[in-house]
Amino acid sequence: MARASEQAYERIRAEIISGRFPPGHRLIEADLTALCEVSRTPVREALRRIVNEGLAEFSPNQGAQVVDLAAEDLEALYDLRTLIEGYGAARAATRISPAQIAELESLTGLMEALVDGGVDGAPEAAGANSRFHRIILEAAQSPRLLSVASQVIEAPLVLRTLARYSPDERVRSMAHHRELIAAFRAGDSQWAQAVMISHIKAAFTAIRRDIVQPGPG
């Protein structure tokens, strides 16, 4: 059962992160059992995990659906991300392993290739970006931080920020990834924290331009 639940969780989460299940998409159990090739019980457990992470929400009349964030929620989430991921990057700088750095480099190379090829909105790019940030939090070696972060960081991923960047913003984002890796190699906590904060603030700028509508006046 645990293996089936994990299989369902990974598949549903990947569909959300990739954008194949967009904000507001209804997560119908019958459809998900066919997609994940498991019974309804593992699907229900997977949906509970996904809701707890903030990627989906339950509605009394609609059941589970992919979260559709309001503008004020987004701003608050990104403010929290700067605090949590900035701190996580600072901790990771003195704790990250060579293997984790190597994986960050591999993911960055994949994202750069997708961006250069003009397919930065592809599911592979979204998945690589999600994994990049996850590795850094795991490297911080704080289960409590990881638990708190999952509730703040996962939800904005449904908006696929990388696909919303202008060409210059894409170049800057990739440069941030490379600079984070350099900070980790140097073991410099302050450097890593500063780059991560800049990286997240830049992401929110792209989201705000495309999604957050300015008020009247």
C-alpha atoms as a PDB file:
ATOM      1  CA  MET A   1       0.000   0.000   0.000  1.00  0.00           C
ATOM      2  CA  ALA A   2       2.791   2.416   0.911  1.00  0.00           C
ATOM      3  CA  ARG A   3       4.489   1.833  -2.424  1.00  0.00           C
ATOM      4  CA  ALA A   4       1.243   2.370  -4.344  1.00  0.00           C
ATOM      5  CA  SER A   5       0.556   5.566  -2.403  1.00  0.00           C
ATOM      6  CA  GLU A   6       4.046   6.880  -3.158  1.00  0.00           C
ATOM      7  CA  GLN A   7       3.607   5.998  -6.832  1.00  0.00           C
ATOM      8  CA  ALA A   8       0.317   7.904  -6.965  1.00  0.00           C
ATOM      9  CA  TYR A   9       1.785  10.862  -5.078  1.00  0.00           C
ATOM     10  CA  GLU A  10       4.775  11.194  -7.388  1.00  0.00           C
ATOM     11  CA  ARG A  11       2.659  10.934 -10.552  1.00  0.00           C
ATOM     12  CA  ILE A  12      -0.043  13.400  -9.465  1.00  0.00           C
ATOM     13  CA  ARG A  13       2.520  15.849  -8.130  1.00  0.00           C
ATOM     14  CA  ALA A  14       4.482  15.675 -11.392  1.00  0.00           C
ATOM     15  CA  GLU A  15       1.323  16.436 -13.384  1.00  0.00           C
ATOM     16  CA  ILE A  16       0.678  19.517 -11.231  1.00  0.00           C
ATOM     17  CA  ILE A  17       4.257  20.822 -11.245  1.00  0.00           C
ATOM     18  CA  SER A  18       4.556  20.337 -15.012  1.00  0.00           C
ATOM     19  CA  GLY A  19       1.412  22.371 -15.666  1.00  0.00           C
ATOM     20  CA  ARG A  20      -0.486  19.477 -17.233  1.00  0.00           C
ATOM     21  CA  PHE A  21      -2.879  19.881 -14.296  1.00  0.00           C
ATOM     22  CA  PRO A  22      -3.245  23.702 -14.208  1.00  0.00           C
ATOM     23  CA  PRO A  23      -4.581  25.853 -11.329  1.00  0.00           C
ATOM     24  CA  GLY A  24      -8.248  25.056 -10.719  1.00  0.00           C
ATOM     25  CA  HIS A  25      -8.044  21.616 -12.354  1.00  0.00           C
ATOM     26  CA  ARG A  26     -10.306  19.091 -10.575  1.00  0.00           C
ATOM     27  CA  LEU A  27      -8.481  16.037  -9.259  1.00  0.00           C
ATOM     28  CA  ILE A  28     -11.099  13.326  -9.819  1.00  0.00           C
ATOM     29  CA  GLU A  29     -10.316  10.065  -8.037  1.00  0.00           C
ATOM     30  CA  ALA A  30     -11.598   7.822 -10.818  1.00  0.00           C
ATOM     31  CA  ASP A  31      -9.398   9.571 -13.379  1.00  0.00           C
ATOM     32  CA  LEU A  32      -6.373   9.462 -11.085  1.00  0.00           C
ATOM     33  CA  THR A  33      -6.694   5.761 -10.362  1.00  0.00           C
ATOM     34  CA  ALA A  34      -6.513   5.101 -14.107  1.00  0.00           C
ATOM     35  CA  LEU A  35      -3.616   7.509 -14.564  1.00  0.00           C
ATOM     36  CA  CYS A  36      -1.576   6.112 -11.667  1.00  0.00           C
ATOM     37  CA  GLU A  37      -2.665   2.484 -12.177  1.00  0.00           C
ATOM     38  CA  VAL A  38      -3.503   2.034  -8.492  1.00  0.00           C
ATOM     39  CA  SER A  39      -6.700   1.683  -6.437  1.00  0.00           C
ATOM     40  CA  ARG A  40      -8.607   4.579  -4.875  1.00  0.00           C
ATOM     41  CA  THR A  41      -7.128   4.211  -1.399  1.00  0.00           C
ATOM     42  CA  PRO A  42      -3.541   5.088  -2.463  1.00  0.00           C
ATOM     43  CA  VAL A  43      -4.918   7.957  -4.562  1.00  0.00           C
ATOM     44  CA  ARG A  44      -6.757   9.351  -1.540  1.00  0.00           C
ATOM     45  CA  GLU A  45      -3.616   9.143   0.576  1.00  0.00           C
ATOM     46  CA  ALA A  46      -1.611  10.843  -2.180  1.00  0.00           C
ATOM     47  CA  LEU A  47      -4.182  13.631  -2.426  1.00  0.00           C
ATOM     48  CA  ARG A  48      -3.988  14.225   1.329  1.00  0.00           C
ATOM     49  CA  ARG A  49      -0.229  14.679   1.053  1.00  0.00           C
ATOM     50  CA  ILE A  50      -0.582  17.010  -1.914  1.00  0.00           C
ATOM     51  CA  VAL A  51      -3.178  19.113  -0.106  1.00  0.00           C
ATOM     52  CA  ASN A  52      -0.917  19.292   2.980  1.00  0.00           C
ATOM     53  CA  GLU A  53       1.888  20.590   0.755  1.00  0.00           C
ATOM     54  CA  GLY A  54      -0.335  23.349  -0.561  1.00  0.00           C
ATOM     55  CA  LEU A  55      -0.432  22.122  -4.158  1.00  0.00           C
ATOM     56  CA  ALA A  56      -4.149  21.353  -3.991  1.00  0.00           C
ATOM     57  CA  GLU A  57      -7.141  22.146  -1.839  1.00  0.00           C
ATOM     58  CA  PHE A  58     -10.416  20.475  -0.917  1.00  0.00           C
ATOM     59  CA  SER A  59     -13.716  22.169  -1.689  1.00  0.00           C
ATOM     60  CA  PRO A  60     -17.032  20.898  -0.203  1.00  0.00           C
ATOM     61  CA  ASN A  61     -18.722  20.755  -3.600  1.00  0.00           C
ATOM     62  CA  GLN A  62     -15.787  20.231  -5.959  1.00  0.00           C
ATOM     63  CA  GLY A  63     -13.588  17.754  -4.108  1.00  0.00           C
ATOM     64  CA  ALA A  64      -9.834  18.186  -4.588  1.00  0.00           C
ATOM     65  CA  GLN A  65      -8.519  20.658  -7.130  1.00  0.00           C
ATOM     66  CA  VAL A  66      -5.175  22.216  -7.975  1.00  0.00           C
ATOM     67  CA  VAL A  67      -4.694  25.351  -5.909  1.00  0.00           C
ATOM     68  CA  ASP A  68      -5.510  28.646  -7.622  1.00  0.00           C
ATOM     69  CA  LEU A  69      -3.755  31.307  -5.584  1.00  0.00           C
ATOM     70  CA  ALA A  70      -5.090  34.805  -5.034  1.00  0.00           C
ATOM     71  CA  ALA A  71      -2.729  37.752  -5.537  1.00  0.00           C
ATOM     72  CA  GLU A  72      -2.409  38.503  -1.834  1.00  0.00           C
ATOM     73  CA  ASP A  73      -1.641  34.845  -1.101  1.00  0.00           C
ATOM     74  CA  LEU A  74       1.140  34.863  -3.678  1.00  0.00           C
ATOM     75  CA  GLU A  75       2.814  37.935  -2.237  1.00  0.00           C
ATOM     76  CA  ALA A  76       2.725  36.476   1.275  1.00  0.00           C
ATOM     77  CA  LEU A  77       4.051  33.124   0.049  1.00  0.00           C
ATOM     78  CA  TYR A  78       6.967  34.721  -1.760  1.00  0.00           C
ATOM     79  CA  ASP A  79       7.806  36.855   1.270  1.00  0.00           C
ATOM     80  CA  LEU A  80       7.930  33.667   3.331  1.00  0.00           C
ATOM     81  CA  ARG A  81       9.986  31.928   0.671  1.00  0.00           C
ATOM     82  CA  THR A  82      12.689  34.585   0.885  1.00  0.00           C
ATOM     83  CA  LEU A  83      12.951  33.958   4.637  1.00  0.00           C
ATOM     84  CA  ILE A  84      12.749  30.173   4.564  1.00  0.00           C
ATOM     85  CA  GLU A  85      14.783  29.402   1.458  1.00  0.00           C
ATOM     86  CA  GLY A  86      17.299  32.114   2.239  1.00  0.00           C
ATOM     87  CA  TYR A  87      17.877  30.547   5.633  1.00  0.00           C
ATOM     88  CA  GLY A  88      17.909  27.078   4.090  1.00  0.00           C
ATOM     89  CA  ALA A  89      20.585  28.093   1.587  1.00  0.00           C
ATOM     90  CA  ALA A  90      22.696  29.577   4.385  1.00  0.00           C
ATOM     91  CA  ARG A  91      22.528  26.305   6.354  1.00  0.00           C
ATOM     92  CA  ALA A  92      23.128  24.218   3.253  1.00  0.00           C
ATOM     93  CA  ALA A  93      26.342  26.080   2.421  1.00  0.00           C
ATOM     94  CA  THR A  94      28.159  24.419   5.349  1.00  0.00           C
ATOM     95  CA  ARG A  95      26.401  21.050   5.162  1.00  0.00           C
ATOM     96  CA  ILE A  96      25.867  20.201   1.494  1.00  0.00           C
ATOM     97  CA  SER A  97      27.605  17.087   0.164  1.00  0.00           C
ATOM     98  CA  PRO A  98      29.688  16.817  -3.010  1.00  0.00           C
ATOM     99  CA  ALA A  99      27.050  14.462  -4.425  1.00  0.00           C
ATOM    100  CA  GLN A 100      24.328  17.042  -3.850  1.00  0.00           C
ATOM    101  CA  ILE A 101      26.402  19.761  -5.498  1.00  0.00           C
ATOM    102  CA  ALA A 102      26.969  17.450  -8.452  1.00  0.00           C
ATOM    103  CA  GLU A 103      23.215  16.911  -8.764  1.00  0.00           C
ATOM    104  CA  LEU A 104      22.606  20.678  -8.626  1.00  0.00           C
ATOM    105  CA  GLU A 105      25.098  21.105 -11.473  1.00  0.00           C
ATOM    106  CA  SER A 106      23.402  18.378 -13.508  1.00  0.00           C
ATOM    107  CA  LEU A 107      19.964  19.925 -13.004  1.00  0.00           C
ATOM    108  CA  THR A 108      21.261  23.373 -13.898  1.00  0.00           C
ATOM    109  CA  GLY A 109      22.820  21.998 -17.068  1.00  0.00           C
ATOM    110  CA  LEU A 110      19.500  20.406 -18.012  1.00  0.00           C
ATOM    111  CA  MET A 111      17.595  23.659 -17.404  1.00  0.00           C
ATOM    112  CA  GLU A 112      20.143  25.673 -19.391  1.00  0.00           C
ATOM    113  CA  ALA A 113      19.840  23.266 -22.311  1.00  0.00           C
ATOM    114  CA  LEU A 114      16.042  23.533 -22.255  1.00  0.00           C
ATOM    115  CA  VAL A 115      16.168  27.324 -22.049  1.00  0.00           C
ATOM    116  CA  ASP A 116      18.711  27.536 -24.876  1.00  0.00           C
ATOM    117  CA  GLY A 117      16.510  25.238 -26.933  1.00  0.00           C
ATOM    118  CA  GLY A 118      13.481  27.433 -26.384  1.00  0.00           C
ATOM    119  CA  VAL A 119      11.560  24.806 -24.404  1.00  0.00           C
ATOM    120  CA  ASP A 120      11.957  26.212 -20.896  1.00  0.00           C
ATOM    121  CA  GLY A 121       8.220  25.721 -20.308  1.00  0.00           C
ATOM    122  CA  ALA A 122       8.549  21.972 -20.760  1.00  0.00           C
ATOM    123  CA  PRO A 123       7.635  19.640 -17.877  1.00  0.00           C
ATOM    124  CA  GLU A 124      11.297  18.646 -17.594  1.00  0.00           C
ATOM    125  CA  ALA A 125      12.293  22.228 -16.783  1.00  0.00           C
ATOM    126  CA  ALA A 126       9.638  22.594 -14.092  1.00  0.00           C
ATOM    127  CA  GLY A 127      10.614  19.283 -12.544  1.00  0.00           C
ATOM    128  CA  ALA A 128      14.313  20.121 -12.606  1.00  0.00           C
ATOM    129  CA  ASN A 129      13.707  23.499 -10.992  1.00  0.00           C
ATOM    130  CA  SER A 130      11.583  21.924  -8.258  1.00  0.00           C
ATOM    131  CA  ARG A 131      14.264  19.305  -7.585  1.00  0.00           C
ATOM    132  CA  PHE A 132      17.005  21.978  -7.505  1.00  0.00           C
ATOM    133  CA  HIS A 133      15.279  23.849  -4.690  1.00  0.00           C
ATOM    134  CA  ARG A 134      14.423  20.634  -2.864  1.00  0.00           C
ATOM    135  CA  ILE A 135      18.047  19.471  -2.803  1.00  0.00           C
ATOM    136  CA  ILE A 136      19.133  22.721  -1.161  1.00  0.00           C
ATOM    137  CA  LEU A 137      16.532  22.332   1.574  1.00  0.00           C
ATOM    138  CA  GLU A 138      17.511  18.714   2.103  1.00  0.00           C
ATOM    139  CA  ALA A 139      21.156  19.779   2.340  1.00  0.00           C
ATOM    140  CA  ALA A 140      20.238  22.151   5.188  1.00  0.00           C
ATOM    141  CA  GLN A 141      19.757  18.991   7.289  1.00  0.00           C
ATOM    142  CA  SER A 142      16.758  20.223   9.252  1.00  0.00           C
ATOM    143  CA  PRO A 143      13.631  18.036   9.091  1.00  0.00           C
ATOM    144  CA  ARG A 144      11.587  20.795  10.710  1.00  0.00           C
ATOM    145  CA  LEU A 145      12.737  23.333   8.111  1.00  0.00           C
ATOM    146  CA  LEU A 146      11.916  20.884   5.326  1.00  0.00           C
ATOM    147  CA  SER A 147       8.438  20.321   6.724  1.00  0.00           C
ATOM    148  CA  VAL A 148       7.666  24.019   7.062  1.00  0.00           C
ATOM    149  CA  ALA A 149       9.168  24.809   3.659  1.00  0.00           C
ATOM    150  CA  SER A 150       7.009  22.262   1.824  1.00  0.00           C
ATOM    151  CA  GLN A 151       3.874  24.171   2.799  1.00  0.00           C
ATOM    152  CA  VAL A 152       5.229  27.486   1.520  1.00  0.00           C
ATOM    153  CA  ILE A 153       7.347  26.560  -1.472  1.00  0.00           C
ATOM    154  CA  GLU A 154       5.295  23.936  -3.274  1.00  0.00           C
ATOM    155  CA  ALA A 155       2.155  25.973  -3.991  1.00  0.00           C
ATOM    156  CA  PRO A 156       3.792  28.656  -6.182  1.00  0.00           C
ATOM    157  CA  LEU A 157       5.367  25.923  -8.321  1.00  0.00           C
ATOM    158  CA  VAL A 158       2.002  25.311 -10.005  1.00  0.00           C
ATOM    159  CA  LEU A 159       2.481  28.686 -11.705  1.00  0.00           C
ATOM    160  CA  ARG A 160       5.627  27.484 -13.527  1.00  0.00           C
ATOM    161  CA  THR A 161       7.588  30.681 -12.993  1.00  0.00           C
ATOM    162  CA  LEU A 162      10.403  29.755 -15.378  1.00  0.00           C
ATOM    163  CA  ALA A 163       7.999  29.658 -18.322  1.00  0.00           C
ATOM    164  CA  ARG A 164       6.891  33.227 -17.545  1.00  0.00           C
ATOM    165  CA  TYR A 165      10.363  34.773 -17.691  1.00  0.00           C
ATOM    166  CA  SER A 166      11.518  37.129 -20.392  1.00  0.00           C
ATOM    167  CA  PRO A 167      14.738  36.043 -22.177  1.00  0.00           C
ATOM    168  CA  ASP A 168      16.826  38.302 -19.909  1.00  0.00           C
ATOM    169  CA  GLU A 169      15.093  36.938 -16.819  1.00  0.00           C
ATOM    170  CA  ARG A 170      15.823  33.374 -17.905  1.00  0.00           C
ATOM    171  CA  VAL A 171      19.506  34.178 -18.277  1.00  0.00           C
ATOM    172  CA  ARG A 172      19.538  35.795 -14.831  1.00  0.00           C
ATOM    173  CA  SER A 173      17.759  32.824 -13.259  1.00  0.00           C
ATOM    174  CA  MET A 174      20.301  30.386 -14.680  1.00  0.00           C
ATOM    175  CA  ALA A 175      23.101  32.672 -13.466  1.00  0.00           C
ATOM    176  CA  HIS A 176      21.581  32.588  -9.971  1.00  0.00           C
ATOM    177  CA  HIS A 177      21.673  28.792 -10.048  1.00  0.00           C
ATOM    178  CA  ARG A 178      25.324  28.823 -11.052  1.00  0.00           C
ATOM    179  CA  GLU A 179      26.168  31.391  -8.386  1.00  0.00           C
ATOM    180  CA  LEU A 180      24.399  29.345  -5.716  1.00  0.00           C
ATOM    181  CA  ILE A 181      26.506  26.351  -6.674  1.00  0.00           C
ATOM    182  CA  ALA A 182      29.641  28.512  -6.423  1.00  0.00           C
ATOM    183  CA  ALA A 183      28.592  29.696  -2.958  1.00  0.00           C
ATOM    184  CA  PHE A 184      28.027  26.107  -1.852  1.00  0.00           C
ATOM    185  CA  ARG A 185      31.415  25.054  -3.167  1.00  0.00           C
ATOM    186  CA  ALA A 186      32.959  27.924  -1.198  1.00  0.00           C
ATOM    187  CA  GLY A 187      30.973  27.031   1.917  1.00  0.00           C
ATOM    188  CA  ASP A 188      29.888  30.674   2.189  1.00  0.00           C
ATOM    189  CA  SER A 189      26.560  30.953   4.039  1.00  0.00           C
ATOM    190  CA  GLN A 190      26.081  34.700   3.591  1.00  0.00           C
ATOM    191  CA  TRP A 191      26.749  34.510  -0.132  1.00  0.00           C
ATOM    192  CA  ALA A 192      24.337  31.591  -0.603  1.00  0.00           C
ATOM    193  CA  GLN A 193      21.616  33.333   1.386  1.00  0.00           C
ATOM    194  CA  ALA A 194      21.950  36.598  -0.543  1.00  0.00           C
ATOM    195  CA  VAL A 195      21.766  34.856  -3.934  1.00  0.00           C
ATOM    196  CA  MET A 196      18.772  32.759  -2.940  1.00  0.00           C
ATOM    197  CA  ILE A 197      16.864  35.821  -1.730  1.00  0.00           C
ATOM    198  CA  SER A 198      17.610  37.637  -4.997  1.00  0.00           C
ATOM    199  CA  HIS A 199      16.557  34.555  -6.963  1.00  0.00           C
ATOM    200  CA  ILE A 200      13.169  34.343  -5.260  1.00  0.00           C
ATOM    201  CA  LYS A 201      12.499  38.075  -5.472  1.00  0.00           C
ATOM    202  CA  ALA A 202      13.195  37.915  -9.209  1.00  0.00           C
ATOM    203  CA  ALA A 203      10.744  35.005  -9.519  1.00  0.00           C
ATOM    204  CA  PHE A 204       8.015  36.991  -7.816  1.00  0.00           C
ATOM    205  CA  THR A 205       8.596  39.918 -10.168  1.00  0.00           C
ATOM    206  CA  ALA A 206       7.799  37.654 -13.134  1.00  0.00           C
ATOM    207  CA  ILE A 207       4.741  36.203 -11.426  1.00  0.00           C
ATOM    208  CA  ARG A 208       3.433  39.615 -10.392  1.00  0.00           C
ATOM    209  CA  ARG A 209       3.752  40.944 -13.924  1.00  0.00           C
ATOM    210  CA  ASP A 210       1.738  38.084 -15.430  1.00  0.00           C
ATOM    211  CA  ILE A 211      -0.758  37.278 -12.690  1.00  0.00           C
ATOM    212  CA  VAL A 212      -1.080  39.873  -9.971  1.00  0.00           C
ATOM    213  CA  GLN A 213      -3.348  42.627 -11.266  1.00  0.00           C
ATOM    214  CA  PRO A 214      -2.689  46.149  -9.992  1.00  0.00           C
ATOM    215  CA  GLY A 215      -5.446  47.831  -8.024  1.00  0.00           C
ATOM    216  CA  PRO A 216      -7.401  50.859  -9.296  1.00  0.00           C
ATOM    217  CA  GLY A 217      -5.632  54.215  -9.349  1.00  0.00           C
END
